[in-house]
């Protein structure tokens, strides 16, 4: 099963149900919002990649930022735009589109006729690890040349233990943990496949595509990468 199918058929919805979050995930998302606020302090537009139904749409509305979300699952895009309509938000400033992360360098300039000013490209809640391939995503980021923030997991044993508990709480069974040169992947027979990349592997991938990325670490299980 492809990751797109996994989310399209609803199997992945349990992963965004807060009732399934152990405390470590709650803390991870608290840090994520804190770090996002820091990196958005001088920005006007939030571009959320792998946004599902608009995870940070409400945050953008509350903080006076315009919002552009991207996802590859049609029903998430439809649900997100329905949320925008029900919030009576300006559809010119707040919208969610069907679009793949490896095509951002083509889609975003095409929408605006140029690169948008004071925009942050944001990959939330390990969306970077739920995409089929890392290399074309980083290549697209290098061509796009906009500030970005990637939120993901560490790959130490404590984080692996907490991630396993999270996936089990979300109802996934027969979970397999695979450790490779790239990182740590958790998968299950019904389509779960979530990768956390080792910092060295990520930095080497960034370097191959001349992407200048720095690492930001807080407490808990999360790690963040930002550029420009």
N, C-alpha and C. Protein backbone atom coordinates (compact mmCIF):
# COMPACT_ATOMS: atom_id res chain seq x y z
N UNK A 1 0.84 -1.19 0.00
CA UNK A 1 0.00 0.00 0.00
C UNK A 1 0.88 1.25 0.00
N UNK A 2 0.59 2.20 -0.88
CA UNK A 2 1.36 3.44 -0.91
C UNK A 2 0.95 4.32 0.26
N UNK A 3 1.82 5.26 0.63
CA UNK A 3 1.47 6.18 1.71
C UNK A 3 0.26 7.03 1.36
N UNK A 4 0.14 7.42 0.09
CA UNK A 4 -1.02 8.20 -0.33
C UNK A 4 -2.30 7.41 -0.10
N UNK A 5 -2.30 6.13 -0.46
CA UNK A 5 -3.47 5.28 -0.25
C UNK A 5 -3.76 5.10 1.24
N UNK A 6 -2.72 4.94 2.03
CA UNK A 6 -2.85 4.77 3.48
C UNK A 6 -3.63 5.93 4.10
N UNK A 7 -3.32 7.15 3.66
CA UNK A 7 -4.03 8.32 4.19
C UNK A 7 -5.35 8.54 3.47
N UNK A 8 -5.42 8.23 2.20
CA UNK A 8 -6.64 8.47 1.43
C UNK A 8 -7.79 7.59 1.92
N UNK A 9 -7.48 6.35 2.33
CA UNK A 9 -8.55 5.45 2.75
C UNK A 9 -8.90 5.58 4.23
N UNK A 10 -8.27 6.53 4.92
CA UNK A 10 -8.62 6.80 6.31
C UNK A 10 -7.80 6.05 7.34
N UNK A 11 -6.91 5.14 6.90
CA UNK A 11 -6.12 4.36 7.85
C UNK A 11 -5.19 5.23 8.68
N UNK A 12 -4.76 6.37 8.12
CA UNK A 12 -3.83 7.24 8.83
C UNK A 12 -4.48 8.26 9.74
N UNK A 13 -5.82 8.31 9.74
CA UNK A 13 -6.50 9.34 10.54
C UNK A 13 -6.25 9.19 12.04
N UNK A 14 -6.04 7.95 12.48
CA UNK A 14 -5.79 7.72 13.91
C UNK A 14 -4.53 8.43 14.39
N UNK A 15 -3.61 8.71 13.47
CA UNK A 15 -2.34 9.35 13.84
C UNK A 15 -2.51 10.83 14.16
N UNK A 16 -3.65 11.41 13.78
CA UNK A 16 -3.89 12.83 14.11
C UNK A 16 -5.06 12.98 15.08
N UNK A 17 -5.39 11.89 15.76
CA UNK A 17 -6.42 11.93 16.80
C UNK A 17 -5.73 12.20 18.13
N UNK A 18 -5.94 13.38 18.73
CA UNK A 18 -5.23 13.73 19.97
C UNK A 18 -5.48 12.76 21.11
N UNK A 19 -6.58 12.03 21.10
CA UNK A 19 -6.85 11.07 22.18
C UNK A 19 -5.86 9.91 22.14
N UNK A 20 -5.15 9.75 21.03
CA UNK A 20 -4.15 8.68 20.91
C UNK A 20 -2.74 9.13 21.28
N UNK A 21 -2.56 10.42 21.60
CA UNK A 21 -1.22 10.94 21.83
C UNK A 21 -0.74 10.63 23.24
N UNK A 22 0.39 9.93 23.37
CA UNK A 22 1.04 9.86 24.69
C UNK A 22 1.62 11.23 25.04
N UNK A 23 2.01 11.41 26.28
CA UNK A 23 2.50 12.71 26.73
C UNK A 23 3.69 13.19 25.91
N UNK A 24 4.52 12.28 25.46
CA UNK A 24 5.70 12.67 24.68
C UNK A 24 5.30 13.35 23.37
N UNK A 25 4.22 12.91 22.76
CA UNK A 25 3.75 13.52 21.52
C UNK A 25 3.10 14.87 21.81
N UNK A 26 2.37 14.96 22.89
CA UNK A 26 1.79 16.24 23.31
C UNK A 26 2.90 17.28 23.48
N UNK A 27 3.97 16.89 24.17
CA UNK A 27 5.09 17.81 24.40
C UNK A 27 5.79 18.15 23.08
N UNK A 28 5.95 17.16 22.22
CA UNK A 28 6.57 17.39 20.91
C UNK A 28 5.79 18.46 20.13
N UNK A 29 4.48 18.36 20.11
CA UNK A 29 3.66 19.31 19.38
C UNK A 29 3.63 20.68 20.05
N UNK A 30 3.75 20.71 21.37
CA UNK A 30 3.87 22.00 22.08
C UNK A 30 5.15 22.71 21.65
N UNK A 31 6.26 21.97 21.60
CA UNK A 31 7.53 22.54 21.15
C UNK A 31 7.42 22.98 19.69
N UNK A 32 6.73 22.18 18.89
CA UNK A 32 6.60 22.50 17.48
C UNK A 32 5.91 23.85 17.29
N UNK A 33 4.84 24.09 18.03
CA UNK A 33 4.14 25.38 17.94
C UNK A 33 5.02 26.53 18.41
N UNK A 34 5.79 26.28 19.45
CA UNK A 34 6.70 27.30 19.98
C UNK A 34 7.77 27.67 18.95
N UNK A 35 8.35 26.67 18.32
CA UNK A 35 9.41 26.92 17.34
C UNK A 35 8.84 27.54 16.07
N UNK A 36 7.64 27.10 15.67
CA UNK A 36 7.00 27.72 14.52
C UNK A 36 6.78 29.21 14.77
N UNK A 37 6.30 29.56 15.96
CA UNK A 37 6.06 30.97 16.29
C UNK A 37 7.36 31.78 16.18
N UNK A 38 8.47 31.19 16.62
CA UNK A 38 9.75 31.89 16.52
C UNK A 38 10.12 32.17 15.07
N UNK A 39 9.94 31.18 14.22
CA UNK A 39 10.36 31.32 12.82
C UNK A 39 9.35 32.10 11.98
N UNK A 40 8.15 32.28 12.50
CA UNK A 40 7.14 33.07 11.80
C UNK A 40 7.09 34.51 12.29
N UNK A 41 7.94 34.88 13.22
CA UNK A 41 7.84 36.20 13.85
C UNK A 41 8.00 37.33 12.85
N UNK A 42 8.77 37.12 11.77
CA UNK A 42 8.96 38.16 10.76
C UNK A 42 8.37 37.77 9.41
N UNK A 43 7.45 36.78 9.44
CA UNK A 43 6.84 36.28 8.21
C UNK A 43 5.36 36.64 8.16
N UNK A 44 4.83 36.65 6.94
CA UNK A 44 3.42 36.95 6.74
C UNK A 44 2.62 35.79 6.17
N UNK A 45 3.32 34.80 5.59
CA UNK A 45 2.63 33.67 4.97
C UNK A 45 3.19 32.35 5.48
N UNK A 46 2.29 31.46 5.88
CA UNK A 46 2.66 30.11 6.28
C UNK A 46 2.29 29.15 5.15
N UNK A 47 3.29 28.43 4.63
CA UNK A 47 3.06 27.42 3.60
C UNK A 47 3.28 26.06 4.26
N UNK A 48 2.19 25.33 4.50
CA UNK A 48 2.27 24.07 5.23
C UNK A 48 2.24 22.90 4.24
N UNK A 49 3.26 22.06 4.29
CA UNK A 49 3.44 20.97 3.34
C UNK A 49 3.12 19.64 4.03
N UNK A 50 2.19 18.90 3.45
CA UNK A 50 1.67 17.72 4.13
C UNK A 50 0.71 18.17 5.22
N UNK A 51 -0.15 19.12 4.84
CA UNK A 51 -0.99 19.81 5.84
C UNK A 51 -2.21 19.02 6.25
N UNK A 52 -2.52 17.93 5.53
CA UNK A 52 -3.74 17.16 5.75
C UNK A 52 -4.95 18.09 5.62
N UNK A 53 -5.78 18.21 6.63
CA UNK A 53 -6.98 19.05 6.53
C UNK A 53 -6.71 20.49 6.99
N UNK A 54 -5.42 20.85 7.06
CA UNK A 54 -5.06 22.19 7.49
C UNK A 54 -4.72 22.22 8.97
N UNK A 55 -3.66 21.49 9.33
CA UNK A 55 -3.31 21.36 10.75
C UNK A 55 -3.03 22.72 11.37
N UNK A 56 -2.34 23.59 10.64
CA UNK A 56 -1.98 24.90 11.20
C UNK A 56 -2.79 26.04 10.60
N UNK A 57 -3.91 25.71 10.00
CA UNK A 57 -4.81 26.75 9.48
C UNK A 57 -5.31 27.66 10.61
N UNK A 58 -5.81 27.06 11.67
CA UNK A 58 -6.33 27.85 12.78
C UNK A 58 -5.23 28.71 13.40
N UNK A 59 -4.02 28.15 13.51
CA UNK A 59 -2.89 28.91 14.04
C UNK A 59 -2.65 30.14 13.18
N UNK A 60 -2.66 29.96 11.86
CA UNK A 60 -2.42 31.08 10.95
C UNK A 60 -3.51 32.13 11.10
N UNK A 61 -4.76 31.71 11.21
CA UNK A 61 -5.87 32.65 11.36
C UNK A 61 -5.73 33.44 12.66
N UNK A 62 -5.37 32.74 13.74
CA UNK A 62 -5.23 33.39 15.05
C UNK A 62 -4.06 34.35 15.09
N UNK A 63 -3.04 34.09 14.26
CA UNK A 63 -1.83 34.91 14.30
C UNK A 63 -1.73 35.88 13.13
N UNK A 64 -2.81 36.05 12.40
CA UNK A 64 -2.85 37.05 11.34
C UNK A 64 -1.98 36.76 10.14
N UNK A 65 -1.69 35.48 9.90
CA UNK A 65 -0.85 35.10 8.75
C UNK A 65 -1.72 34.56 7.63
N UNK A 66 -1.34 34.80 6.40
CA UNK A 66 -1.99 34.12 5.29
C UNK A 66 -1.52 32.67 5.29
N UNK A 67 -2.28 31.81 4.63
CA UNK A 67 -2.03 30.37 4.76
C UNK A 67 -2.21 29.68 3.42
N UNK A 68 -1.23 28.87 3.06
CA UNK A 68 -1.29 28.05 1.86
C UNK A 68 -0.89 26.64 2.25
N UNK A 69 -1.83 25.72 2.15
CA UNK A 69 -1.55 24.34 2.51
C UNK A 69 -1.47 23.45 1.29
N UNK A 70 -0.64 22.40 1.38
CA UNK A 70 -0.53 21.42 0.31
C UNK A 70 -0.67 20.01 0.87
N UNK A 71 -1.44 19.20 0.16
CA UNK A 71 -1.51 17.78 0.50
C UNK A 71 -1.79 17.00 -0.78
N UNK A 72 -1.48 15.70 -0.76
CA UNK A 72 -1.69 14.87 -1.95
C UNK A 72 -2.98 14.07 -1.87
N UNK A 73 -3.71 14.20 -0.75
CA UNK A 73 -4.94 13.43 -0.56
C UNK A 73 -6.14 14.35 -0.80
N UNK A 74 -6.97 13.98 -1.77
CA UNK A 74 -8.09 14.84 -2.18
C UNK A 74 -9.03 15.16 -1.03
N UNK A 75 -9.36 14.16 -0.22
CA UNK A 75 -10.36 14.41 0.82
C UNK A 75 -9.84 15.36 1.90
N UNK A 76 -8.53 15.32 2.17
CA UNK A 76 -7.98 16.28 3.12
C UNK A 76 -8.07 17.70 2.57
N UNK A 77 -7.78 17.85 1.29
CA UNK A 77 -7.87 19.17 0.67
C UNK A 77 -9.30 19.69 0.73
N UNK A 78 -10.27 18.83 0.43
CA UNK A 78 -11.67 19.23 0.48
C UNK A 78 -12.10 19.60 1.90
N UNK A 79 -11.69 18.79 2.88
CA UNK A 79 -12.04 19.07 4.27
C UNK A 79 -11.41 20.38 4.73
N UNK A 80 -10.17 20.61 4.33
CA UNK A 80 -9.48 21.84 4.73
C UNK A 80 -10.13 23.08 4.16
N UNK A 81 -10.50 23.02 2.91
CA UNK A 81 -11.15 24.18 2.29
C UNK A 81 -12.55 24.39 2.85
N UNK A 82 -13.21 23.32 3.29
CA UNK A 82 -14.50 23.47 3.97
C UNK A 82 -14.31 24.18 5.30
N UNK A 83 -13.21 23.89 5.99
CA UNK A 83 -12.91 24.58 7.25
C UNK A 83 -12.66 26.06 7.00
N UNK A 84 -11.96 26.37 5.92
CA UNK A 84 -11.70 27.77 5.58
C UNK A 84 -13.02 28.49 5.33
N UNK A 85 -13.92 27.84 4.58
CA UNK A 85 -15.22 28.45 4.29
C UNK A 85 -16.04 28.65 5.56
N UNK A 86 -16.04 27.67 6.46
CA UNK A 86 -16.83 27.79 7.69
C UNK A 86 -16.27 28.85 8.62
N UNK A 87 -14.96 29.11 8.52
CA UNK A 87 -14.34 30.16 9.33
C UNK A 87 -14.52 31.53 8.70
N UNK A 88 -15.12 31.55 7.51
CA UNK A 88 -15.34 32.80 6.76
C UNK A 88 -14.02 33.55 6.54
N UNK A 89 -12.96 32.78 6.31
CA UNK A 89 -11.65 33.36 6.03
C UNK A 89 -11.59 33.77 4.57
N UNK A 90 -10.72 34.71 4.27
CA UNK A 90 -10.55 35.19 2.90
C UNK A 90 -9.92 34.09 2.05
N UNK A 91 -10.65 33.54 1.06
CA UNK A 91 -10.10 32.43 0.27
C UNK A 91 -8.91 32.84 -0.60
N UNK A 92 -8.69 34.13 -0.78
CA UNK A 92 -7.51 34.59 -1.51
C UNK A 92 -6.26 34.53 -0.65
N UNK A 93 -6.46 34.57 0.66
CA UNK A 93 -5.33 34.55 1.59
C UNK A 93 -5.18 33.23 2.34
N UNK A 94 -6.21 32.40 2.28
CA UNK A 94 -6.20 31.14 3.00
C UNK A 94 -6.78 30.06 2.09
N UNK A 95 -5.94 29.10 1.70
CA UNK A 95 -6.41 28.05 0.81
C UNK A 95 -5.53 26.81 0.93
N UNK A 96 -6.11 25.68 0.54
CA UNK A 96 -5.40 24.41 0.55
C UNK A 96 -5.52 23.81 -0.84
N UNK A 97 -4.39 23.35 -1.36
CA UNK A 97 -4.33 22.86 -2.73
C UNK A 97 -3.79 21.44 -2.77
N UNK A 98 -4.19 20.73 -3.81
CA UNK A 98 -3.62 19.43 -4.07
C UNK A 98 -2.25 19.64 -4.71
N UNK A 99 -1.22 19.09 -4.11
CA UNK A 99 0.11 19.30 -4.66
C UNK A 99 1.16 18.48 -3.92
N UNK A 100 2.12 17.97 -4.67
CA UNK A 100 3.18 17.13 -4.11
C UNK A 100 4.37 17.97 -3.69
N UNK A 101 5.03 17.55 -2.63
CA UNK A 101 6.14 18.33 -2.06
C UNK A 101 7.33 18.42 -3.01
N UNK A 102 7.49 17.45 -3.88
CA UNK A 102 8.62 17.50 -4.81
C UNK A 102 8.37 18.44 -5.98
N UNK A 103 7.20 19.06 -6.02
CA UNK A 103 6.87 20.00 -7.09
C UNK A 103 6.67 21.43 -6.58
N UNK A 104 7.05 21.68 -5.34
CA UNK A 104 6.83 23.01 -4.75
C UNK A 104 7.50 24.11 -5.55
N UNK A 105 8.70 23.82 -6.07
CA UNK A 105 9.46 24.86 -6.81
C UNK A 105 8.76 25.25 -8.11
N UNK A 106 7.84 24.43 -8.58
CA UNK A 106 7.07 24.76 -9.77
C UNK A 106 5.71 25.36 -9.40
N UNK A 107 5.07 24.78 -8.38
CA UNK A 107 3.71 25.19 -8.03
C UNK A 107 3.66 26.59 -7.42
N UNK A 108 4.52 26.85 -6.45
CA UNK A 108 4.42 28.11 -5.69
C UNK A 108 4.71 29.33 -6.57
N UNK A 109 5.81 29.38 -7.33
CA UNK A 109 6.00 30.54 -8.21
C UNK A 109 4.90 30.66 -9.26
N UNK A 110 4.35 29.50 -9.68
CA UNK A 110 3.27 29.54 -10.65
C UNK A 110 2.00 30.17 -10.11
N UNK A 111 1.76 30.00 -8.81
CA UNK A 111 0.56 30.57 -8.19
C UNK A 111 0.65 32.09 -8.10
N UNK A 112 1.85 32.59 -7.81
CA UNK A 112 2.02 34.01 -7.52
C UNK A 112 2.70 34.78 -8.65
N UNK A 113 3.23 34.06 -9.61
CA UNK A 113 3.99 34.71 -10.67
C UNK A 113 5.40 35.07 -10.24
N UNK A 114 5.72 34.73 -9.01
CA UNK A 114 7.03 35.02 -8.43
C UNK A 114 7.08 34.30 -7.08
N UNK A 115 8.18 34.40 -6.37
CA UNK A 115 8.23 33.86 -5.01
C UNK A 115 7.50 34.81 -4.06
N UNK A 116 6.65 34.29 -3.18
CA UNK A 116 5.95 35.17 -2.24
C UNK A 116 6.91 35.79 -1.23
N UNK A 117 6.60 37.00 -0.80
CA UNK A 117 7.42 37.69 0.19
C UNK A 117 7.12 37.19 1.59
N UNK A 118 8.16 37.14 2.41
CA UNK A 118 8.03 36.85 3.85
C UNK A 118 7.18 35.60 4.10
N UNK A 119 7.56 34.52 3.42
CA UNK A 119 6.85 33.24 3.54
C UNK A 119 7.76 32.20 4.17
N UNK A 120 7.17 31.27 4.93
CA UNK A 120 7.90 30.16 5.52
C UNK A 120 7.28 28.86 5.03
N UNK A 121 8.11 27.97 4.49
CA UNK A 121 7.67 26.65 4.07
C UNK A 121 7.85 25.71 5.25
N UNK A 122 6.77 25.12 5.72
CA UNK A 122 6.76 24.38 6.98
C UNK A 122 6.31 22.94 6.76
N UNK A 123 7.14 21.99 7.21
CA UNK A 123 6.81 20.57 7.19
C UNK A 123 6.49 20.16 8.63
N UNK A 124 5.21 20.02 9.00
CA UNK A 124 4.85 19.77 10.39
C UNK A 124 4.90 18.29 10.76
N UNK A 125 4.98 17.99 12.05
CA UNK A 125 4.66 16.68 12.64
C UNK A 125 5.23 15.51 11.83
N UNK A 126 6.50 15.62 11.49
CA UNK A 126 7.21 14.60 10.72
C UNK A 126 6.55 14.29 9.38
N UNK A 127 5.92 15.28 8.76
CA UNK A 127 5.39 15.05 7.41
C UNK A 127 6.51 14.68 6.45
N UNK A 128 7.73 15.17 6.71
CA UNK A 128 8.88 14.87 5.86
C UNK A 128 9.17 13.36 5.86
N UNK A 129 8.85 12.69 6.96
CA UNK A 129 9.10 11.25 7.08
C UNK A 129 7.95 10.40 6.58
N UNK A 130 6.87 11.05 6.14
CA UNK A 130 5.72 10.33 5.61
C UNK A 130 5.59 10.52 4.10
N UNK A 131 6.67 10.99 3.48
CA UNK A 131 6.69 11.17 2.03
C UNK A 131 7.50 10.05 1.42
N UNK A 132 7.15 9.68 0.21
CA UNK A 132 7.73 8.47 -0.38
C UNK A 132 9.25 8.55 -0.51
N UNK A 133 9.78 9.70 -0.94
CA UNK A 133 11.21 9.84 -1.16
C UNK A 133 11.69 11.19 -0.63
N UNK A 134 12.83 11.19 0.04
CA UNK A 134 13.37 12.43 0.59
C UNK A 134 14.08 13.27 -0.48
N UNK A 135 14.87 12.63 -1.31
CA UNK A 135 15.75 13.35 -2.24
C UNK A 135 15.02 14.37 -3.11
N UNK A 136 13.91 14.00 -3.78
CA UNK A 136 13.23 14.99 -4.63
C UNK A 136 12.60 16.13 -3.84
N UNK A 137 12.26 15.89 -2.59
CA UNK A 137 11.71 16.95 -1.75
C UNK A 137 12.79 17.99 -1.45
N UNK A 138 13.98 17.52 -1.07
CA UNK A 138 15.09 18.43 -0.79
C UNK A 138 15.52 19.16 -2.05
N UNK A 139 15.51 18.46 -3.19
CA UNK A 139 15.84 19.09 -4.46
C UNK A 139 14.86 20.23 -4.76
N UNK A 140 13.58 19.99 -4.52
CA UNK A 140 12.57 21.03 -4.74
C UNK A 140 12.79 22.21 -3.81
N UNK A 141 13.14 21.93 -2.55
CA UNK A 141 13.43 23.02 -1.60
C UNK A 141 14.61 23.86 -2.08
N UNK A 142 15.62 23.19 -2.62
CA UNK A 142 16.81 23.92 -3.08
C UNK A 142 16.46 24.83 -4.26
N UNK A 143 15.58 24.37 -5.13
CA UNK A 143 15.17 25.18 -6.28
C UNK A 143 14.21 26.28 -5.87
N UNK A 144 13.39 26.01 -4.85
CA UNK A 144 12.41 27.00 -4.39
C UNK A 144 13.09 28.19 -3.72
N UNK A 145 14.09 27.88 -2.89
CA UNK A 145 14.89 28.94 -2.26
C UNK A 145 14.06 29.89 -1.40
N UNK A 146 13.21 29.30 -0.56
CA UNK A 146 12.45 30.06 0.44
C UNK A 146 12.84 29.56 1.84
N UNK A 147 12.69 30.39 2.85
CA UNK A 147 12.92 29.92 4.22
C UNK A 147 12.05 28.70 4.53
N UNK A 148 12.60 27.73 5.26
CA UNK A 148 11.82 26.53 5.58
C UNK A 148 12.08 26.09 7.01
N UNK A 149 11.14 25.30 7.53
CA UNK A 149 11.23 24.70 8.85
C UNK A 149 10.69 23.29 8.76
N UNK A 150 11.49 22.32 9.19
CA UNK A 150 11.11 20.91 9.16
C UNK A 150 11.03 20.40 10.59
N UNK A 151 9.90 19.85 10.96
CA UNK A 151 9.69 19.30 12.30
C UNK A 151 9.70 17.77 12.20
N UNK A 152 10.59 17.15 12.96
CA UNK A 152 10.69 15.70 12.87
C UNK A 152 11.15 15.11 14.21
N UNK A 153 11.39 13.81 14.20
CA UNK A 153 11.78 13.10 15.43
C UNK A 153 13.29 12.87 15.49
N UNK A 154 13.78 12.73 16.70
CA UNK A 154 15.13 12.22 16.89
C UNK A 154 15.13 10.73 16.57
N UNK A 155 16.31 10.13 16.59
CA UNK A 155 16.41 8.70 16.27
C UNK A 155 17.06 7.90 17.40
N UNK A 156 17.09 8.47 18.61
CA UNK A 156 17.66 7.75 19.74
C UNK A 156 16.66 6.73 20.28
N UNK A 157 17.11 5.88 21.18
CA UNK A 157 16.29 4.78 21.68
C UNK A 157 15.05 5.27 22.42
N UNK A 158 15.19 6.34 23.22
CA UNK A 158 14.04 6.86 23.95
C UNK A 158 12.95 7.34 22.99
N UNK A 159 13.35 8.04 21.95
CA UNK A 159 12.38 8.50 20.96
C UNK A 159 11.72 7.32 20.26
N UNK A 160 12.51 6.30 19.92
CA UNK A 160 11.94 5.12 19.27
C UNK A 160 10.90 4.45 20.16
N UNK A 161 11.17 4.40 21.45
CA UNK A 161 10.23 3.80 22.40
C UNK A 161 8.93 4.61 22.45
N UNK A 162 9.06 5.93 22.48
CA UNK A 162 7.88 6.79 22.54
C UNK A 162 7.08 6.73 21.23
N UNK A 163 7.78 6.67 20.11
CA UNK A 163 7.08 6.55 18.82
C UNK A 163 6.30 5.24 18.75
N UNK A 164 6.91 4.16 19.20
CA UNK A 164 6.23 2.87 19.19
C UNK A 164 4.95 2.93 20.02
N UNK A 165 5.03 3.55 21.20
CA UNK A 165 3.84 3.68 22.05
C UNK A 165 2.75 4.49 21.35
N UNK A 166 3.15 5.53 20.66
CA UNK A 166 2.21 6.38 19.92
C UNK A 166 1.49 5.58 18.83
N UNK A 167 2.24 4.80 18.06
CA UNK A 167 1.62 4.02 16.99
C UNK A 167 0.73 2.91 17.56
N UNK A 168 1.15 2.32 18.65
CA UNK A 168 0.30 1.31 19.30
C UNK A 168 -0.97 1.93 19.85
N UNK A 169 -0.85 3.10 20.48
CA UNK A 169 -2.04 3.81 20.98
C UNK A 169 -3.01 4.14 19.84
N UNK A 170 -2.46 4.32 18.64
CA UNK A 170 -3.28 4.68 17.49
C UNK A 170 -3.91 3.46 16.82
N UNK A 171 -3.70 2.29 17.40
CA UNK A 171 -4.38 1.09 16.95
C UNK A 171 -3.63 0.23 15.95
N UNK A 172 -2.35 0.51 15.73
CA UNK A 172 -1.58 -0.27 14.77
C UNK A 172 -0.92 -1.46 15.47
N UNK A 173 -1.02 -2.62 14.85
CA UNK A 173 -0.43 -3.82 15.41
C UNK A 173 0.65 -4.39 14.50
N UNK A 174 1.36 -5.39 15.00
CA UNK A 174 2.45 -6.04 14.25
C UNK A 174 3.42 -5.00 13.69
N UNK A 175 3.79 -4.05 14.54
CA UNK A 175 4.65 -2.95 14.10
C UNK A 175 6.10 -3.42 14.01
N UNK A 176 6.73 -3.06 12.92
CA UNK A 176 8.14 -3.41 12.71
C UNK A 176 8.99 -2.15 12.77
N UNK A 177 10.10 -2.21 13.51
CA UNK A 177 11.06 -1.10 13.56
C UNK A 177 12.27 -1.49 12.73
N UNK A 178 12.59 -0.66 11.73
CA UNK A 178 13.73 -0.91 10.86
C UNK A 178 14.73 0.22 10.99
N UNK A 179 15.95 -0.11 11.35
CA UNK A 179 17.01 0.87 11.49
C UNK A 179 17.96 0.72 10.30
N UNK A 180 18.22 1.82 9.62
CA UNK A 180 19.09 1.79 8.44
C UNK A 180 20.06 2.96 8.50
N UNK A 181 20.87 3.07 7.47
CA UNK A 181 21.77 4.20 7.36
C UNK A 181 21.00 5.52 7.28
N UNK A 182 19.78 5.45 6.72
CA UNK A 182 18.96 6.66 6.56
C UNK A 182 18.29 7.09 7.86
N UNK A 183 17.82 6.13 8.64
CA UNK A 183 17.11 6.51 9.86
C UNK A 183 16.35 5.34 10.45
N UNK A 184 15.27 5.66 11.14
CA UNK A 184 14.46 4.66 11.84
C UNK A 184 13.04 4.72 11.30
N UNK A 185 12.59 3.60 10.75
CA UNK A 185 11.25 3.54 10.15
C UNK A 185 10.38 2.59 10.96
N UNK A 186 9.15 3.02 11.25
CA UNK A 186 8.15 2.15 11.85
C UNK A 186 7.10 1.84 10.79
N UNK A 187 6.78 0.57 10.63
CA UNK A 187 5.82 0.17 9.62
C UNK A 187 4.92 -0.93 10.17
N UNK A 188 3.78 -1.11 9.51
CA UNK A 188 2.85 -2.17 9.89
C UNK A 188 2.20 -2.73 8.63
N UNK A 189 1.61 -3.92 8.72
CA UNK A 189 1.03 -4.54 7.54
C UNK A 189 -0.10 -3.74 6.89
N UNK A 190 -0.77 -2.89 7.67
CA UNK A 190 -1.90 -2.13 7.08
C UNK A 190 -1.49 -0.78 6.54
N UNK A 191 -0.19 -0.56 6.32
CA UNK A 191 0.23 0.60 5.56
C UNK A 191 0.98 1.68 6.31
N UNK A 192 1.05 1.60 7.63
CA UNK A 192 1.86 2.57 8.36
C UNK A 192 3.30 2.50 7.89
N UNK A 193 3.89 3.64 7.61
CA UNK A 193 5.31 3.70 7.24
C UNK A 193 5.80 5.11 7.56
N UNK A 194 6.44 5.26 8.70
CA UNK A 194 6.87 6.58 9.16
C UNK A 194 8.37 6.56 9.45
N UNK A 195 9.10 7.39 8.74
CA UNK A 195 10.56 7.43 8.85
C UNK A 195 11.01 8.67 9.61
N UNK A 196 11.95 8.48 10.51
CA UNK A 196 12.68 9.59 11.12
C UNK A 196 14.13 9.47 10.63
N UNK A 197 14.61 10.51 9.97
CA UNK A 197 15.94 10.45 9.38
C UNK A 197 17.02 10.80 10.40
N UNK A 198 18.13 10.08 10.34
CA UNK A 198 19.28 10.42 11.18
C UNK A 198 19.77 11.82 10.80
N UNK A 199 20.19 12.64 11.77
CA UNK A 199 20.69 13.98 11.45
C UNK A 199 21.81 13.99 10.42
N UNK A 200 22.76 13.05 10.52
CA UNK A 200 23.86 13.02 9.56
C UNK A 200 23.34 12.77 8.15
N UNK A 201 22.38 11.85 8.02
CA UNK A 201 21.83 11.53 6.70
C UNK A 201 21.11 12.75 6.12
N UNK A 202 20.35 13.45 6.95
CA UNK A 202 19.66 14.65 6.49
C UNK A 202 20.66 15.73 6.06
N UNK A 203 21.65 15.96 6.88
CA UNK A 203 22.64 17.00 6.55
C UNK A 203 23.39 16.66 5.27
N UNK A 204 23.71 15.39 5.06
CA UNK A 204 24.38 15.00 3.82
C UNK A 204 23.46 15.20 2.61
N UNK A 205 22.17 14.93 2.79
CA UNK A 205 21.21 15.14 1.71
C UNK A 205 21.07 16.62 1.40
N UNK A 206 20.96 17.43 2.44
CA UNK A 206 20.92 18.89 2.24
C UNK A 206 22.16 19.36 1.49
N UNK A 207 23.31 18.89 1.92
CA UNK A 207 24.58 19.35 1.33
C UNK A 207 24.68 18.99 -0.14
N UNK A 208 24.19 17.81 -0.51
CA UNK A 208 24.24 17.39 -1.92
C UNK A 208 23.49 18.36 -2.82
N UNK A 209 22.47 19.00 -2.25
CA UNK A 209 21.66 19.92 -3.06
C UNK A 209 21.89 21.38 -2.67
N UNK A 210 22.99 21.62 -1.96
CA UNK A 210 23.41 22.97 -1.62
C UNK A 210 22.33 23.72 -0.82
N UNK A 211 21.68 22.98 0.07
CA UNK A 211 20.69 23.57 0.97
C UNK A 211 21.37 23.82 2.32
N UNK A 212 21.38 25.06 2.75
CA UNK A 212 22.00 25.43 4.02
C UNK A 212 20.97 25.26 5.13
N UNK A 213 21.08 24.20 5.89
CA UNK A 213 20.11 23.90 6.94
C UNK A 213 20.81 23.81 8.29
N UNK A 214 20.19 24.40 9.28
CA UNK A 214 20.69 24.33 10.65
C UNK A 214 19.72 23.52 11.51
N UNK A 215 20.24 23.00 12.59
CA UNK A 215 19.46 22.13 13.46
C UNK A 215 19.10 22.86 14.75
N UNK A 216 17.88 22.67 15.19
CA UNK A 216 17.42 23.26 16.44
C UNK A 216 16.85 22.14 17.31
N UNK A 217 17.31 22.06 18.54
CA UNK A 217 16.91 20.97 19.44
C UNK A 217 16.27 21.55 20.69
N UNK A 218 15.15 20.94 21.08
CA UNK A 218 14.52 21.28 22.36
C UNK A 218 14.47 20.01 23.19
N UNK A 219 13.77 20.07 24.31
CA UNK A 219 13.62 18.87 25.12
C UNK A 219 12.72 17.86 24.44
N UNK A 220 12.65 16.66 24.98
CA UNK A 220 11.73 15.67 24.46
C UNK A 220 12.28 14.94 23.24
N UNK A 221 11.39 14.55 22.33
CA UNK A 221 11.74 13.63 21.25
C UNK A 221 11.90 14.32 19.89
N UNK A 222 11.74 15.64 19.84
CA UNK A 222 11.74 16.32 18.56
C UNK A 222 13.06 16.95 18.18
N UNK A 223 13.19 17.21 16.89
CA UNK A 223 14.33 17.92 16.35
C UNK A 223 13.83 18.71 15.14
N UNK A 224 14.39 19.90 14.93
CA UNK A 224 13.89 20.79 13.88
C UNK A 224 15.06 21.26 13.02
N UNK A 225 14.79 21.39 11.73
CA UNK A 225 15.78 21.88 10.78
C UNK A 225 15.20 23.12 10.09
N UNK A 226 16.03 24.13 9.94
CA UNK A 226 15.55 25.35 9.30
C UNK A 226 16.63 25.89 8.38
N UNK A 227 16.16 26.63 7.37
CA UNK A 227 17.08 27.21 6.41
C UNK A 227 16.67 28.61 6.01
N UNK A 228 17.65 29.37 5.55
CA UNK A 228 17.49 30.76 5.10
C UNK A 228 16.89 31.61 6.22
